Amino acid sequence: MGYGLGVFLLAVGLILALAVTDNLANVDLTMVGWIIAAAGVLLLVLTAVTANNRRRSSTVTTHADGSRTVSERNDAPPAY
């Protein structure tokens, strides 16, 4: 799962919500489309957040005297 599935769900949901005018018995395709589109947006946001968290790393170094040094590294590109 990732960006591709999120974009796919968003596209299918918006097509159902905005372009399909057919009616099925006891099924509101417009509402189903909005729900699928919302799921796609949620998946895109969650994928972006988890991808950002994976780019961070920290290293703990223990010295001979027992002290520790923590260095953090962020490989994310700068935000403009």
N, C-alpha and C. Protein backbone atom coordinates (compact mmCIF):
# COMPACT_ATOMS: atom_id res chain seq x y z
N MET A 1 0.84 -1.17 0.00
CA MET A 1 0.00 0.00 0.00
C MET A 1 0.89 1.23 0.00
N GLY A 2 0.43 2.22 -0.67
CA GLY A 2 1.22 3.44 -0.71
C GLY A 2 0.52 4.50 -1.51
N TYR A 3 1.34 5.32 -2.15
CA TYR A 3 0.78 6.43 -2.90
C TYR A 3 -0.11 5.96 -4.05
N GLY A 4 0.28 4.89 -4.72
CA GLY A 4 -0.48 4.41 -5.87
C GLY A 4 -1.89 3.99 -5.50
N LEU A 5 -2.03 3.23 -4.43
CA LEU A 5 -3.35 2.79 -3.99
C LEU A 5 -4.18 3.98 -3.52
N GLY A 6 -3.56 4.92 -2.84
CA GLY A 6 -4.29 6.11 -2.39
C GLY A 6 -4.83 6.92 -3.55
N VAL A 7 -4.01 7.11 -4.57
CA VAL A 7 -4.45 7.86 -5.76
C VAL A 7 -5.54 7.09 -6.49
N PHE A 8 -5.41 5.77 -6.57
CA PHE A 8 -6.43 4.95 -7.23
C PHE A 8 -7.77 5.07 -6.51
N LEU A 9 -7.75 4.92 -5.19
CA LEU A 9 -8.99 5.04 -4.42
C LEU A 9 -9.59 6.43 -4.55
N LEU A 10 -8.77 7.44 -4.53
CA LEU A 10 -9.26 8.80 -4.68
C LEU A 10 -9.92 9.00 -6.04
N ALA A 11 -9.28 8.51 -7.10
CA ALA A 11 -9.83 8.66 -8.44
C ALA A 11 -11.15 7.90 -8.59
N VAL A 12 -11.19 6.65 -8.16
CA VAL A 12 -12.42 5.86 -8.27
C VAL A 12 -13.54 6.50 -7.45
N GLY A 13 -13.21 6.95 -6.26
CA GLY A 13 -14.21 7.58 -5.41
C GLY A 13 -14.78 8.85 -6.03
N LEU A 14 -13.91 9.68 -6.59
CA LEU A 14 -14.40 10.91 -7.20
C LEU A 14 -15.21 10.64 -8.46
N ILE A 15 -14.83 9.62 -9.21
CA ILE A 15 -15.63 9.24 -10.38
C ILE A 15 -17.01 8.79 -9.96
N LEU A 16 -17.07 7.95 -8.93
CA LEU A 16 -18.38 7.50 -8.45
C LEU A 16 -19.19 8.67 -7.88
N ALA A 17 -18.55 9.56 -7.15
CA ALA A 17 -19.26 10.65 -6.50
C ALA A 17 -19.74 11.71 -7.47
N LEU A 18 -18.95 12.00 -8.49
CA LEU A 18 -19.25 13.15 -9.34
C LEU A 18 -19.72 12.81 -10.74
N ALA A 19 -19.40 11.64 -11.25
CA ALA A 19 -19.68 11.36 -12.66
C ALA A 19 -20.74 10.30 -12.89
N VAL A 20 -20.94 9.40 -11.96
CA VAL A 20 -21.89 8.30 -12.18
C VAL A 20 -23.27 8.76 -11.74
N THR A 21 -24.25 8.56 -12.65
CA THR A 21 -25.62 8.96 -12.35
C THR A 21 -26.57 7.77 -12.26
N ASP A 22 -26.06 6.56 -12.39
CA ASP A 22 -26.91 5.37 -12.30
C ASP A 22 -27.37 5.16 -10.86
N ASN A 23 -28.45 4.44 -10.72
CA ASN A 23 -28.98 4.11 -9.40
C ASN A 23 -29.01 2.60 -9.24
N LEU A 24 -28.57 2.14 -8.09
CA LEU A 24 -28.70 0.74 -7.72
C LEU A 24 -29.72 0.67 -6.59
N ALA A 25 -30.39 -0.47 -6.49
CA ALA A 25 -31.40 -0.63 -5.44
C ALA A 25 -30.74 -0.53 -4.06
N ASN A 26 -31.19 0.43 -3.27
CA ASN A 26 -30.76 0.63 -1.88
C ASN A 26 -29.29 0.98 -1.74
N VAL A 27 -28.63 1.48 -2.80
CA VAL A 27 -27.23 1.88 -2.72
C VAL A 27 -27.09 3.28 -3.29
N ASP A 28 -26.58 4.18 -2.50
CA ASP A 28 -26.33 5.55 -2.95
C ASP A 28 -24.89 5.62 -3.44
N LEU A 29 -24.71 5.58 -4.76
CA LEU A 29 -23.36 5.55 -5.34
C LEU A 29 -22.59 6.83 -5.06
N THR A 30 -23.28 7.93 -4.91
CA THR A 30 -22.60 9.19 -4.59
C THR A 30 -21.94 9.10 -3.22
N MET A 31 -22.67 8.58 -2.24
CA MET A 31 -22.11 8.46 -0.89
C MET A 31 -20.98 7.43 -0.85
N VAL A 32 -21.15 6.33 -1.57
CA VAL A 32 -20.08 5.33 -1.65
C VAL A 32 -18.83 5.95 -2.26
N GLY A 33 -19.02 6.78 -3.28
CA GLY A 33 -17.89 7.46 -3.92
C GLY A 33 -17.17 8.39 -2.97
N TRP A 34 -17.92 9.17 -2.20
CA TRP A 34 -17.29 10.07 -1.23
C TRP A 34 -16.55 9.31 -0.15
N ILE A 35 -17.09 8.18 0.27
CA ILE A 35 -16.41 7.37 1.29
C ILE A 35 -15.10 6.80 0.75
N ILE A 36 -15.13 6.30 -0.48
CA ILE A 36 -13.91 5.76 -1.10
C ILE A 36 -12.88 6.87 -1.31
N ALA A 37 -13.34 8.05 -1.74
CA ALA A 37 -12.43 9.18 -1.93
C ALA A 37 -11.78 9.59 -0.61
N ALA A 38 -12.57 9.60 0.47
CA ALA A 38 -12.01 9.95 1.78
C ALA A 38 -10.99 8.91 2.23
N ALA A 39 -11.26 7.65 1.95
CA ALA A 39 -10.31 6.59 2.28
C ALA A 39 -9.00 6.78 1.49
N GLY A 40 -9.11 7.20 0.24
CA GLY A 40 -7.92 7.46 -0.56
C GLY A 40 -7.09 8.61 -0.01
N VAL A 41 -7.76 9.69 0.40
CA VAL A 41 -7.05 10.83 0.98
C VAL A 41 -6.37 10.42 2.29
N LEU A 42 -7.09 9.66 3.11
CA LEU A 42 -6.52 9.19 4.38
C LEU A 42 -5.29 8.32 4.14
N LEU A 43 -5.36 7.44 3.14
CA LEU A 43 -4.23 6.58 2.82
C LEU A 43 -3.04 7.40 2.32
N LEU A 44 -3.29 8.43 1.52
CA LEU A 44 -2.20 9.29 1.06
C LEU A 44 -1.53 10.00 2.24
N VAL A 45 -2.32 10.51 3.16
CA VAL A 45 -1.76 11.22 4.32
C VAL A 45 -0.95 10.26 5.20
N LEU A 46 -1.51 9.07 5.46
CA LEU A 46 -0.80 8.11 6.30
C LEU A 46 0.49 7.63 5.64
N THR A 47 0.48 7.46 4.34
CA THR A 47 1.70 7.05 3.63
C THR A 47 2.76 8.14 3.72
N ALA A 48 2.35 9.40 3.57
CA ALA A 48 3.31 10.50 3.67
C ALA A 48 3.90 10.59 5.07
N VAL A 49 3.09 10.42 6.08
CA VAL A 49 3.57 10.52 7.46
C VAL A 49 4.53 9.38 7.78
N THR A 50 4.19 8.16 7.40
CA THR A 50 5.08 7.04 7.70
C THR A 50 6.37 7.11 6.88
N ALA A 51 6.29 7.61 5.66
CA ALA A 51 7.51 7.76 4.86
C ALA A 51 8.43 8.80 5.48
N ASN A 52 7.86 9.86 6.04
CA ASN A 52 8.67 10.89 6.68
C ASN A 52 9.32 10.35 7.95
N ASN A 53 8.62 9.52 8.71
CA ASN A 53 9.19 8.97 9.93
C ASN A 53 10.32 7.99 9.64
N ARG A 54 10.26 7.28 8.53
CA ARG A 54 11.32 6.33 8.19
C ARG A 54 12.61 7.00 7.81
N ARG A 55 12.55 8.25 7.41
CA ARG A 55 13.75 8.95 6.97
C ARG A 55 14.61 9.42 8.13
N ARG A 56 14.07 9.42 9.33
CA ARG A 56 14.82 9.87 10.50
C ARG A 56 15.51 8.68 11.14
N SER A 57 16.72 8.91 11.60
CA SER A 57 17.44 7.86 12.29
C SER A 57 18.27 8.49 13.40
N SER A 58 18.52 7.71 14.43
CA SER A 58 19.35 8.22 15.53
C SER A 58 20.37 7.15 15.89
N THR A 59 21.54 7.61 16.33
CA THR A 59 22.63 6.73 16.72
C THR A 59 23.05 7.08 18.14
N VAL A 60 23.15 6.07 18.98
CA VAL A 60 23.60 6.26 20.35
C VAL A 60 25.01 5.69 20.46
N THR A 61 25.95 6.53 20.89
CA THR A 61 27.34 6.11 21.06
C THR A 61 27.67 6.15 22.55
N THR A 62 28.16 5.02 23.08
CA THR A 62 28.57 4.95 24.49
C THR A 62 30.09 5.07 24.55
N HIS A 63 30.56 6.03 25.33
CA HIS A 63 31.99 6.28 25.46
C HIS A 63 32.58 5.45 26.59
N ALA A 64 33.91 5.45 26.67
CA ALA A 64 34.61 4.63 27.66
C ALA A 64 34.31 5.08 29.09
N ASP A 65 34.01 6.36 29.28
CA ASP A 65 33.72 6.84 30.63
C ASP A 65 32.25 6.62 31.02
N GLY A 66 31.46 5.99 30.16
CA GLY A 66 30.07 5.67 30.46
C GLY A 66 29.07 6.70 29.96
N SER A 67 29.55 7.81 29.43
CA SER A 67 28.63 8.83 28.91
C SER A 67 28.14 8.40 27.53
N ARG A 68 27.01 8.95 27.17
CA ARG A 68 26.40 8.61 25.87
C ARG A 68 26.21 9.86 25.04
N THR A 69 26.35 9.69 23.74
CA THR A 69 26.09 10.76 22.79
C THR A 69 25.03 10.27 21.82
N VAL A 70 23.98 11.06 21.66
CA VAL A 70 22.91 10.73 20.73
C VAL A 70 22.99 11.69 19.57
N SER A 71 23.10 11.14 18.36
CA SER A 71 23.10 11.98 17.17
C SER A 71 21.93 11.55 16.29
N GLU A 72 21.14 12.54 15.87
CA GLU A 72 19.98 12.26 15.02
C GLU A 72 20.27 12.76 13.62
N ARG A 73 19.76 11.99 12.66
CA ARG A 73 19.97 12.33 11.27
C ARG A 73 18.62 12.33 10.56
N ASN A 74 18.35 13.34 9.77
CA ASN A 74 17.12 13.42 9.01
C ASN A 74 17.48 13.49 7.54
N ASP A 75 17.14 12.46 6.79
CA ASP A 75 17.50 12.39 5.37
C ASP A 75 16.44 13.01 4.47
N ALA A 76 15.43 13.63 5.07
CA ALA A 76 14.36 14.23 4.28
C ALA A 76 14.90 15.45 3.54
N PRO A 77 14.40 15.69 2.34
CA PRO A 77 14.83 16.89 1.63
C PRO A 77 14.28 18.13 2.33
N PRO A 78 14.95 19.27 2.17
CA PRO A 78 14.49 20.47 2.86
C PRO A 78 13.13 20.92 2.34
N ALA A 79 12.29 21.43 3.23
CA ALA A 79 10.98 21.93 2.87
C ALA A 79 11.11 23.41 2.49
N TYR A 80 10.57 23.76 1.36
CA TYR A 80 10.66 25.15 0.90
C TYR A 80 9.35 25.83 1.04
